[in-house]
């Protein structure tokens, strides 16, 4: 039977069953772009950048990585108006978009589209101050890339290892990891 014949011979009942399965599967696995996560401060793109950063700082292995542990949610809550890191709101709002744009000249891609190895190489350069005196520093002002990196790295660790009541460490993943 040709593929077109298969499509023409599907009953409405079968079509509805298949549609329900696909819709339920998409809801369970969370297809990117269909996320229902709401953030108070971060935009969807900033949250996507932060998710990648969180997984670079705390990569998933036998345990959840930074993204799954809710580090982005922690950052968003803590830089919000009732959080403990409100003084860093402008840092994230300026530096996350700058971090995404800076690799365009060198790598011809945004941070969001870099492969994992290139992303790590780029972040190592940021950590070591490579971009602090480059032409790209203008989009980071009044901050420097290495300053942002140091703050972000420390705050990722806070979100991963801190109490879940502050928005991170989903399901106590870090506590289970260290057998606390």
N, C-alpha and C. Protein backbone atom coordinates (compact mmCIF):
# COMPACT_ATOMS: atom_id res chain seq x y z
N UNK A 1 0.85 -1.18 0.00
CA UNK A 1 0.00 0.00 0.00
C UNK A 1 0.90 1.24 0.00
N UNK A 2 0.59 2.21 -0.84
CA UNK A 2 1.37 3.44 -0.94
C UNK A 2 1.09 4.34 0.26
N UNK A 3 2.05 5.22 0.61
CA UNK A 3 1.83 6.11 1.76
C UNK A 3 0.58 6.97 1.63
N UNK A 4 0.26 7.41 0.41
CA UNK A 4 -0.95 8.22 0.22
C UNK A 4 -2.20 7.42 0.53
N UNK A 5 -2.19 6.13 0.18
CA UNK A 5 -3.34 5.27 0.47
C UNK A 5 -3.53 5.11 1.98
N UNK A 6 -2.40 5.01 2.72
CA UNK A 6 -2.49 4.89 4.18
C UNK A 6 -3.16 6.12 4.78
N UNK A 7 -2.77 7.28 4.30
CA UNK A 7 -3.35 8.52 4.83
C UNK A 7 -4.83 8.64 4.49
N UNK A 8 -5.22 8.21 3.33
CA UNK A 8 -6.62 8.31 2.91
C UNK A 8 -7.51 7.29 3.60
N UNK A 9 -6.93 6.22 4.12
CA UNK A 9 -7.73 5.16 4.74
C UNK A 9 -7.77 5.24 6.26
N UNK A 10 -7.30 6.32 6.84
CA UNK A 10 -7.33 6.48 8.30
C UNK A 10 -8.71 6.99 8.70
N UNK A 11 -9.33 6.27 9.61
CA UNK A 11 -10.66 6.70 10.07
C UNK A 11 -10.53 7.90 10.99
N UNK A 12 -11.62 8.61 11.17
CA UNK A 12 -11.60 9.76 12.08
C UNK A 12 -11.24 9.32 13.50
N UNK A 13 -11.77 8.18 13.91
CA UNK A 13 -11.49 7.68 15.26
C UNK A 13 -10.00 7.41 15.44
N UNK A 14 -9.37 6.78 14.45
CA UNK A 14 -7.93 6.51 14.50
C UNK A 14 -7.15 7.81 14.50
N UNK A 15 -7.56 8.74 13.65
CA UNK A 15 -6.89 10.05 13.59
C UNK A 15 -6.96 10.75 14.95
N UNK A 16 -8.11 10.72 15.60
CA UNK A 16 -8.26 11.35 16.92
C UNK A 16 -7.39 10.66 17.97
N UNK A 17 -7.30 9.34 17.92
CA UNK A 17 -6.45 8.61 18.86
C UNK A 17 -4.99 9.01 18.68
N UNK A 18 -4.54 9.04 17.42
CA UNK A 18 -3.15 9.41 17.13
C UNK A 18 -2.89 10.84 17.58
N UNK A 19 -3.83 11.73 17.29
CA UNK A 19 -3.67 13.13 17.70
C UNK A 19 -3.58 13.26 19.21
N UNK A 20 -4.40 12.52 19.92
CA UNK A 20 -4.38 12.57 21.39
C UNK A 20 -3.06 12.06 21.94
N UNK A 21 -2.55 11.00 21.34
CA UNK A 21 -1.27 10.45 21.79
C UNK A 21 -0.15 11.46 21.56
N UNK A 22 -0.13 12.07 20.38
CA UNK A 22 0.92 13.06 20.08
C UNK A 22 0.81 14.28 20.98
N UNK A 23 -0.40 14.74 21.20
CA UNK A 23 -0.59 15.91 22.06
C UNK A 23 -0.17 15.60 23.48
N UNK A 24 -0.58 14.44 23.99
CA UNK A 24 -0.19 14.05 25.33
C UNK A 24 1.30 13.86 25.46
N UNK A 25 1.92 13.26 24.44
CA UNK A 25 3.37 13.07 24.45
C UNK A 25 4.11 14.40 24.44
N UNK A 26 3.63 15.35 23.65
CA UNK A 26 4.27 16.68 23.60
C UNK A 26 4.15 17.36 24.95
N UNK A 27 3.02 17.18 25.61
CA UNK A 27 2.83 17.80 26.92
C UNK A 27 3.77 17.17 27.95
N UNK A 28 3.91 15.86 27.89
CA UNK A 28 4.75 15.16 28.88
C UNK A 28 6.22 15.51 28.70
N UNK A 29 6.73 15.47 27.46
CA UNK A 29 8.16 15.70 27.25
C UNK A 29 8.50 17.17 27.14
N UNK A 30 7.52 18.02 26.90
CA UNK A 30 7.78 19.45 26.84
C UNK A 30 8.54 19.87 25.60
N UNK A 31 7.90 19.87 24.47
CA UNK A 31 8.54 20.28 23.24
C UNK A 31 9.02 21.72 23.36
N UNK A 32 10.29 22.00 22.99
CA UNK A 32 10.79 23.39 23.07
C UNK A 32 9.89 24.33 22.28
N UNK A 33 9.67 25.50 22.82
CA UNK A 33 8.80 26.46 22.16
C UNK A 33 7.36 26.34 22.64
N UNK A 34 7.01 25.20 23.20
CA UNK A 34 5.66 25.02 23.72
C UNK A 34 5.67 25.04 25.25
N UNK A 35 6.77 25.48 25.82
CA UNK A 35 6.91 25.50 27.27
C UNK A 35 5.88 26.44 27.89
N UNK A 36 5.33 26.00 29.00
CA UNK A 36 4.35 26.83 29.71
C UNK A 36 4.98 27.55 30.89
N UNK A 37 6.29 27.40 31.04
CA UNK A 37 6.99 28.07 32.14
C UNK A 37 6.85 29.58 31.99
N UNK A 38 6.36 30.21 33.03
CA UNK A 38 6.26 31.67 33.03
C UNK A 38 7.36 32.23 33.90
N UNK A 39 7.98 33.27 33.42
CA UNK A 39 9.03 33.94 34.17
C UNK A 39 8.59 35.34 34.52
N UNK A 40 9.04 35.82 35.66
CA UNK A 40 8.66 37.15 36.12
C UNK A 40 9.51 38.24 35.49
N UNK A 41 10.79 37.98 35.29
CA UNK A 41 11.73 38.99 34.82
C UNK A 41 12.29 38.62 33.45
N UNK A 42 12.72 37.38 33.29
CA UNK A 42 13.37 36.95 32.06
C UNK A 42 12.37 36.77 30.92
N UNK A 43 12.80 37.14 29.71
CA UNK A 43 12.00 36.83 28.52
C UNK A 43 12.23 35.36 28.17
N UNK A 44 11.45 34.84 27.26
CA UNK A 44 11.62 33.45 26.84
C UNK A 44 13.04 33.22 26.30
N UNK A 45 13.54 34.15 25.46
CA UNK A 45 14.88 33.99 24.90
C UNK A 45 15.95 34.06 26.00
N UNK A 46 15.80 34.99 26.92
CA UNK A 46 16.76 35.09 28.03
C UNK A 46 16.73 33.82 28.87
N UNK A 47 15.55 33.26 29.08
CA UNK A 47 15.44 32.01 29.84
C UNK A 47 16.09 30.86 29.09
N UNK A 48 15.94 30.82 27.76
CA UNK A 48 16.59 29.77 26.96
C UNK A 48 18.11 29.88 27.06
N UNK A 49 18.62 31.11 27.02
CA UNK A 49 20.07 31.33 27.17
C UNK A 49 20.50 30.87 28.56
N UNK A 50 19.73 31.24 29.57
CA UNK A 50 20.07 30.87 30.94
C UNK A 50 20.02 29.36 31.13
N UNK A 51 19.06 28.68 30.50
CA UNK A 51 18.99 27.21 30.57
C UNK A 51 20.27 26.58 30.03
N UNK A 52 20.74 27.09 28.88
CA UNK A 52 21.99 26.56 28.32
C UNK A 52 23.17 26.83 29.24
N UNK A 53 23.22 28.03 29.80
CA UNK A 53 24.29 28.36 30.74
C UNK A 53 24.24 27.45 31.96
N UNK A 54 23.05 27.23 32.49
CA UNK A 54 22.89 26.38 33.67
C UNK A 54 23.41 24.97 33.40
N UNK A 55 23.12 24.44 32.21
CA UNK A 55 23.61 23.10 31.87
C UNK A 55 25.10 23.09 31.55
N UNK A 56 25.66 24.22 31.14
CA UNK A 56 27.12 24.30 30.96
C UNK A 56 27.82 24.35 32.31
N UNK A 57 27.23 25.05 33.26
CA UNK A 57 27.83 25.15 34.59
C UNK A 57 27.66 23.85 35.37
N UNK A 58 26.50 23.22 35.22
CA UNK A 58 26.19 21.98 35.94
C UNK A 58 25.62 21.01 34.92
N UNK A 59 26.48 20.30 34.20
CA UNK A 59 26.00 19.41 33.14
C UNK A 59 25.22 18.22 33.69
N UNK A 60 24.19 17.80 32.97
CA UNK A 60 23.45 16.61 33.41
C UNK A 60 24.32 15.36 33.23
N UNK A 61 24.19 14.44 34.16
CA UNK A 61 24.85 13.14 34.05
C UNK A 61 23.90 12.13 34.68
N UNK A 62 24.33 11.40 35.68
CA UNK A 62 23.43 10.48 36.37
C UNK A 62 22.35 11.25 37.14
N UNK A 63 22.62 12.52 37.38
CA UNK A 63 21.69 13.40 38.08
C UNK A 63 21.32 14.55 37.15
N UNK A 64 20.30 15.27 37.52
CA UNK A 64 19.83 16.39 36.71
C UNK A 64 20.92 17.46 36.59
N UNK A 65 20.92 18.14 35.46
CA UNK A 65 21.82 19.27 35.26
C UNK A 65 21.16 20.54 35.78
N UNK A 66 21.80 21.66 35.50
CA UNK A 66 21.31 22.94 35.98
C UNK A 66 19.93 23.30 35.47
N UNK A 67 19.67 23.00 34.20
CA UNK A 67 18.35 23.34 33.63
C UNK A 67 17.25 22.57 34.34
N UNK A 68 17.41 21.26 34.41
CA UNK A 68 16.38 20.41 35.02
C UNK A 68 16.22 20.69 36.51
N UNK A 69 17.29 21.12 37.14
CA UNK A 69 17.23 21.44 38.57
C UNK A 69 16.53 22.76 38.83
N UNK A 70 16.22 23.52 37.79
CA UNK A 70 15.46 24.75 37.96
C UNK A 70 16.30 25.98 38.25
N UNK A 71 17.57 25.96 37.82
CA UNK A 71 18.45 27.10 38.08
C UNK A 71 17.90 28.38 37.44
N UNK A 72 17.34 28.28 36.23
CA UNK A 72 16.79 29.46 35.57
C UNK A 72 15.63 30.03 36.36
N UNK A 73 14.78 29.16 36.87
CA UNK A 73 13.67 29.61 37.70
C UNK A 73 14.19 30.31 38.96
N UNK A 74 15.23 29.73 39.57
CA UNK A 74 15.84 30.34 40.75
C UNK A 74 16.34 31.76 40.43
N UNK A 75 17.09 31.90 39.33
CA UNK A 75 17.63 33.21 38.94
C UNK A 75 16.48 34.19 38.73
N UNK A 76 15.46 33.76 37.98
CA UNK A 76 14.33 34.63 37.68
C UNK A 76 13.63 35.09 38.97
N UNK A 77 13.39 34.17 39.88
CA UNK A 77 12.74 34.54 41.15
C UNK A 77 13.60 35.47 41.98
N UNK A 78 14.89 35.19 42.04
CA UNK A 78 15.76 35.96 42.92
C UNK A 78 16.10 37.34 42.38
N UNK A 79 16.05 37.55 41.06
CA UNK A 79 16.27 38.90 40.52
C UNK A 79 14.96 39.67 40.42
N UNK A 80 13.87 39.00 40.74
CA UNK A 80 12.56 39.66 40.75
C UNK A 80 12.42 40.60 41.94
N UNK A 81 11.30 41.30 41.99
CA UNK A 81 11.15 42.36 43.00
C UNK A 81 11.18 41.86 44.44
N UNK A 82 10.85 40.60 44.69
CA UNK A 82 10.87 40.10 46.06
C UNK A 82 12.04 39.15 46.32
N UNK A 83 12.99 39.08 45.40
CA UNK A 83 14.11 38.16 45.54
C UNK A 83 15.27 38.75 46.31
N UNK A 84 16.26 37.89 46.55
CA UNK A 84 17.45 38.30 47.30
C UNK A 84 18.54 38.88 46.39
N UNK A 85 18.35 38.78 45.08
CA UNK A 85 19.38 39.23 44.13
C UNK A 85 18.86 40.34 43.22
N UNK A 86 17.96 41.16 43.72
CA UNK A 86 17.35 42.20 42.87
C UNK A 86 18.39 43.15 42.29
N UNK A 87 19.51 43.33 43.00
CA UNK A 87 20.55 44.23 42.49
C UNK A 87 21.21 43.68 41.22
N UNK A 88 20.98 42.41 40.90
CA UNK A 88 21.56 41.80 39.70
C UNK A 88 20.59 41.74 38.52
N UNK A 89 19.40 42.31 38.67
CA UNK A 89 18.43 42.29 37.58
C UNK A 89 19.01 42.92 36.30
N UNK A 90 19.58 44.12 36.42
CA UNK A 90 20.14 44.78 35.24
C UNK A 90 21.30 43.99 34.65
N UNK A 91 22.07 43.34 35.50
CA UNK A 91 23.17 42.50 35.04
C UNK A 91 22.65 41.43 34.08
N UNK A 92 21.62 40.71 34.47
CA UNK A 92 21.07 39.64 33.63
C UNK A 92 20.36 40.20 32.40
N UNK A 93 19.60 41.28 32.58
CA UNK A 93 18.85 41.85 31.45
C UNK A 93 19.80 42.43 30.38
N UNK A 94 20.97 42.87 30.78
CA UNK A 94 21.96 43.39 29.83
C UNK A 94 22.83 42.26 29.28
N UNK A 95 23.30 41.41 30.15
CA UNK A 95 24.34 40.45 29.76
C UNK A 95 23.85 39.19 29.07
N UNK A 96 22.64 38.72 29.35
CA UNK A 96 22.16 37.54 28.64
C UNK A 96 22.02 37.81 27.13
N UNK A 97 21.37 38.91 26.71
CA UNK A 97 21.34 39.20 25.27
C UNK A 97 22.74 39.45 24.69
N UNK A 98 23.62 40.11 25.45
CA UNK A 98 24.99 40.37 24.98
C UNK A 98 25.74 39.06 24.80
N UNK A 99 25.57 38.13 25.73
CA UNK A 99 26.22 36.83 25.63
C UNK A 99 25.75 36.08 24.39
N UNK A 100 24.49 36.26 24.04
CA UNK A 100 23.95 35.59 22.86
C UNK A 100 24.49 36.20 21.56
N UNK A 101 24.72 37.52 21.55
CA UNK A 101 25.17 38.21 20.32
C UNK A 101 26.68 38.21 20.12
N UNK A 102 27.45 38.18 21.17
CA UNK A 102 28.91 38.32 21.07
C UNK A 102 29.56 37.29 20.14
N UNK A 103 29.16 36.03 20.11
CA UNK A 103 29.86 35.07 19.25
C UNK A 103 29.60 35.25 17.75
N UNK A 104 28.69 36.14 17.37
CA UNK A 104 28.37 36.31 15.95
C UNK A 104 29.61 36.61 15.10
N UNK A 105 30.45 37.52 15.55
CA UNK A 105 31.61 37.89 14.75
C UNK A 105 32.61 36.75 14.62
N UNK A 106 32.88 36.09 15.72
CA UNK A 106 33.90 35.04 15.72
C UNK A 106 33.38 33.70 15.21
N UNK A 107 32.18 33.31 15.63
CA UNK A 107 31.65 31.99 15.30
C UNK A 107 30.53 32.01 14.26
N UNK A 108 30.08 33.20 13.89
CA UNK A 108 29.00 33.38 12.90
C UNK A 108 27.67 32.79 13.36
N UNK A 109 27.51 32.65 14.65
CA UNK A 109 26.27 32.11 15.23
C UNK A 109 26.00 32.78 16.56
N UNK A 110 24.73 32.80 16.94
CA UNK A 110 24.36 33.23 18.29
C UNK A 110 24.72 32.12 19.27
N UNK A 111 24.87 32.48 20.53
CA UNK A 111 25.15 31.51 21.58
C UNK A 111 24.12 30.38 21.56
N UNK A 112 22.87 30.72 21.38
CA UNK A 112 21.79 29.72 21.40
C UNK A 112 21.97 28.64 20.33
N UNK A 113 22.68 28.95 19.25
CA UNK A 113 22.80 27.99 18.16
C UNK A 113 24.19 27.35 18.07
N UNK A 114 25.09 27.69 18.99
CA UNK A 114 26.41 27.05 19.00
C UNK A 114 26.29 25.60 19.45
N UNK A 115 27.16 24.73 18.92
CA UNK A 115 27.18 23.36 19.42
C UNK A 115 27.84 23.36 20.80
N UNK A 116 27.70 22.28 21.51
CA UNK A 116 28.14 22.20 22.91
C UNK A 116 29.63 22.51 23.07
N UNK A 117 30.49 21.93 22.24
CA UNK A 117 31.93 22.16 22.38
C UNK A 117 32.29 23.61 22.13
N UNK A 118 31.69 24.22 21.12
CA UNK A 118 31.97 25.62 20.82
C UNK A 118 31.43 26.52 21.93
N UNK A 119 30.28 26.16 22.46
CA UNK A 119 29.70 26.92 23.57
C UNK A 119 30.65 26.93 24.77
N UNK A 120 31.23 25.80 25.09
CA UNK A 120 32.16 25.70 26.23
C UNK A 120 33.43 26.51 25.93
N UNK A 121 33.94 26.41 24.71
CA UNK A 121 35.12 27.20 24.32
C UNK A 121 34.85 28.70 24.48
N UNK A 122 33.70 29.13 24.01
CA UNK A 122 33.29 30.54 24.11
C UNK A 122 33.18 30.98 25.57
N UNK A 123 32.57 30.15 26.41
CA UNK A 123 32.42 30.50 27.82
C UNK A 123 33.76 30.55 28.55
N UNK A 124 34.68 29.69 28.17
CA UNK A 124 36.02 29.74 28.77
C UNK A 124 36.70 31.06 28.43
N UNK A 125 36.51 31.54 27.21
CA UNK A 125 37.08 32.83 26.81
C UNK A 125 36.46 33.96 27.64
N UNK A 126 35.17 33.89 27.85
CA UNK A 126 34.50 34.90 28.68
C UNK A 126 35.07 34.86 30.10
N UNK A 127 35.15 33.66 30.66
CA UNK A 127 35.66 33.52 32.02
C UNK A 127 37.07 34.09 32.16
N UNK A 128 37.90 33.88 31.14
CA UNK A 128 39.29 34.34 31.19
C UNK A 128 39.47 35.80 30.79
N UNK A 129 38.38 36.52 30.51
CA UNK A 129 38.46 37.94 30.21
C UNK A 129 38.80 38.29 28.77
N UNK A 130 38.74 37.32 27.87
CA UNK A 130 39.10 37.54 26.47
C UNK A 130 38.28 38.66 25.84
N UNK A 131 36.99 38.74 26.16
CA UNK A 131 36.11 39.74 25.54
C UNK A 131 36.00 41.04 26.35
N UNK A 132 36.67 41.11 27.49
CA UNK A 132 36.56 42.30 28.35
C UNK A 132 37.09 43.57 27.67
N UNK A 133 38.04 43.42 26.76
CA UNK A 133 38.61 44.57 26.08
C UNK A 133 38.39 44.52 24.57
N UNK A 134 37.43 43.74 24.15
CA UNK A 134 37.16 43.63 22.71
C UNK A 134 36.13 44.68 22.29
N UNK A 135 35.92 44.73 21.01
CA UNK A 135 34.94 45.68 20.46
C UNK A 135 33.53 45.32 20.94
N UNK A 136 33.29 44.06 21.25
CA UNK A 136 31.97 43.60 21.68
C UNK A 136 31.61 44.09 23.08
N UNK A 137 32.57 44.62 23.82
CA UNK A 137 32.32 45.01 25.20
C UNK A 137 31.24 46.10 25.29
N UNK A 138 31.04 46.86 24.23
CA UNK A 138 30.03 47.93 24.24
C UNK A 138 28.64 47.40 24.54
N UNK A 139 28.30 46.24 24.02
CA UNK A 139 26.95 45.71 24.25
C UNK A 139 26.78 45.13 25.66
N UNK A 140 27.87 44.99 26.38
CA UNK A 140 27.83 44.47 27.75
C UNK A 140 27.77 45.60 28.78
N UNK A 141 28.06 46.82 28.39
CA UNK A 141 28.18 47.94 29.33
C UNK A 141 26.89 48.16 30.11
N UNK A 142 27.02 48.47 31.37
CA UNK A 142 28.20 48.88 32.14
C UNK A 142 28.96 47.71 32.77
N UNK A 143 28.68 46.49 32.35
CA UNK A 143 29.29 45.30 32.93
C UNK A 143 30.39 44.78 32.01
N UNK A 144 31.18 43.86 32.49
CA UNK A 144 32.14 43.17 31.63
C UNK A 144 31.72 41.71 31.54
N UNK A 145 32.06 41.05 30.43
CA UNK A 145 31.69 39.64 30.29
C UNK A 145 32.22 38.76 31.43
N UNK A 146 33.46 38.97 31.84
CA UNK A 146 34.02 38.10 32.89
C UNK A 146 33.33 38.35 34.24
N UNK A 147 32.94 39.58 34.51
CA UNK A 147 32.20 39.88 35.75
C UNK A 147 30.85 39.14 35.73
N UNK A 148 30.15 39.23 34.60
CA UNK A 148 28.88 38.52 34.48
C UNK A 148 29.08 37.02 34.68
N UNK A 149 30.11 36.47 34.02
CA UNK A 149 30.35 35.03 34.11
C UNK A 149 30.53 34.60 35.57
N UNK A 150 31.36 35.33 36.30
CA UNK A 150 31.63 34.97 37.70
C UNK A 150 30.35 35.01 38.54
N UNK A 151 29.56 36.06 38.38
CA UNK A 151 28.29 36.17 39.14
C UNK A 151 27.33 35.05 38.74
N UNK A 152 27.18 34.86 37.43
CA UNK A 152 26.25 33.85 36.93
C UNK A 152 26.65 32.46 37.42
N UNK A 153 27.93 32.13 37.35
CA UNK A 153 28.42 30.82 37.80
C UNK A 153 28.08 30.61 39.28
N UNK A 154 28.38 31.60 40.11
CA UNK A 154 28.10 31.50 41.54
C UNK A 154 26.60 31.35 41.80
N UNK A 155 25.79 32.10 41.06
CA UNK A 155 24.35 32.05 41.28
C UNK A 155 23.73 30.78 40.72
N UNK A 156 24.35 30.19 39.70
CA UNK A 156 23.91 28.87 39.24
C UNK A 156 24.12 27.84 40.36
N UNK A 157 25.26 27.93 41.02
CA UNK A 157 25.53 27.01 42.13
C UNK A 157 24.55 27.22 43.27
N UNK A 158 24.21 28.47 43.53
CA UNK A 158 23.22 28.77 44.58
C UNK A 158 21.88 28.13 44.22
N UNK A 159 21.48 28.24 42.96
CA UNK A 159 20.21 27.68 42.52
C UNK A 159 20.19 26.17 42.54
N UNK A 160 21.34 25.57 42.29
CA UNK A 160 21.42 24.11 42.26
C UNK A 160 21.49 23.51 43.66
N UNK A 161 22.30 24.13 44.52
CA UNK A 161 22.53 23.56 45.85
C UNK A 161 21.66 24.15 46.96
N UNK A 162 20.99 25.26 46.68
CA UNK A 162 20.19 25.92 47.71
C UNK A 162 18.89 25.20 48.00
N UNK A 163 18.13 25.76 48.89
CA UNK A 163 16.83 25.20 49.26
C UNK A 163 15.84 25.38 48.12
N UNK A 164 15.04 24.35 47.84
CA UNK A 164 14.03 24.48 46.79
C UNK A 164 13.02 25.61 47.04
N UNK A 165 12.88 26.04 48.27
CA UNK A 165 11.91 27.11 48.54
C UNK A 165 12.31 28.42 47.86
N UNK A 166 13.55 28.52 47.37
CA UNK A 166 14.01 29.73 46.67
C UNK A 166 13.90 29.61 45.15
N UNK A 167 13.33 28.51 44.65
CA UNK A 167 13.05 28.40 43.23
C UNK A 167 13.91 27.44 42.45
N UNK A 168 14.98 26.94 43.01
CA UNK A 168 15.85 25.99 42.31
C UNK A 168 15.85 24.64 42.99
N UNK A 169 16.87 23.83 42.69
CA UNK A 169 17.04 22.51 43.30
C UNK A 169 15.74 21.71 43.25
N UNK A 170 15.14 21.65 42.06
CA UNK A 170 13.88 20.91 41.88
C UNK A 170 14.01 19.49 42.41
N UNK A 171 13.01 19.08 43.13
CA UNK A 171 12.94 17.72 43.68
C UNK A 171 14.18 17.37 44.50
N UNK A 172 14.82 18.37 45.08
CA UNK A 172 15.98 18.16 45.94
C UNK A 172 17.10 17.39 45.24
N UNK A 173 17.25 17.62 43.94
CA UNK A 173 18.20 16.84 43.14
C UNK A 173 19.62 16.93 43.68
N UNK A 174 20.07 18.11 44.08
CA UNK A 174 21.44 18.22 44.57
C UNK A 174 21.59 17.55 45.93
N UNK A 175 20.56 17.59 46.74
CA UNK A 175 20.61 16.95 48.05
C UNK A 175 20.75 15.43 47.86
N UNK A 176 20.01 14.89 46.91
CA UNK A 176 20.11 13.45 46.63
C UNK A 176 21.48 13.11 46.06
N UNK A 177 22.00 14.01 45.21
CA UNK A 177 23.30 13.77 44.58
C UNK A 177 24.42 13.66 45.63
N UNK A 178 24.38 14.55 46.62
CA UNK A 178 25.43 14.52 47.65
C UNK A 178 25.02 13.67 48.86
N UNK A 179 23.87 12.99 48.72
CA UNK A 179 23.35 12.08 49.76
C UNK A 179 23.14 12.79 51.10
N UNK A 180 22.53 13.97 50.98
CA UNK A 180 22.26 14.80 52.15
C UNK A 180 20.94 14.42 52.76
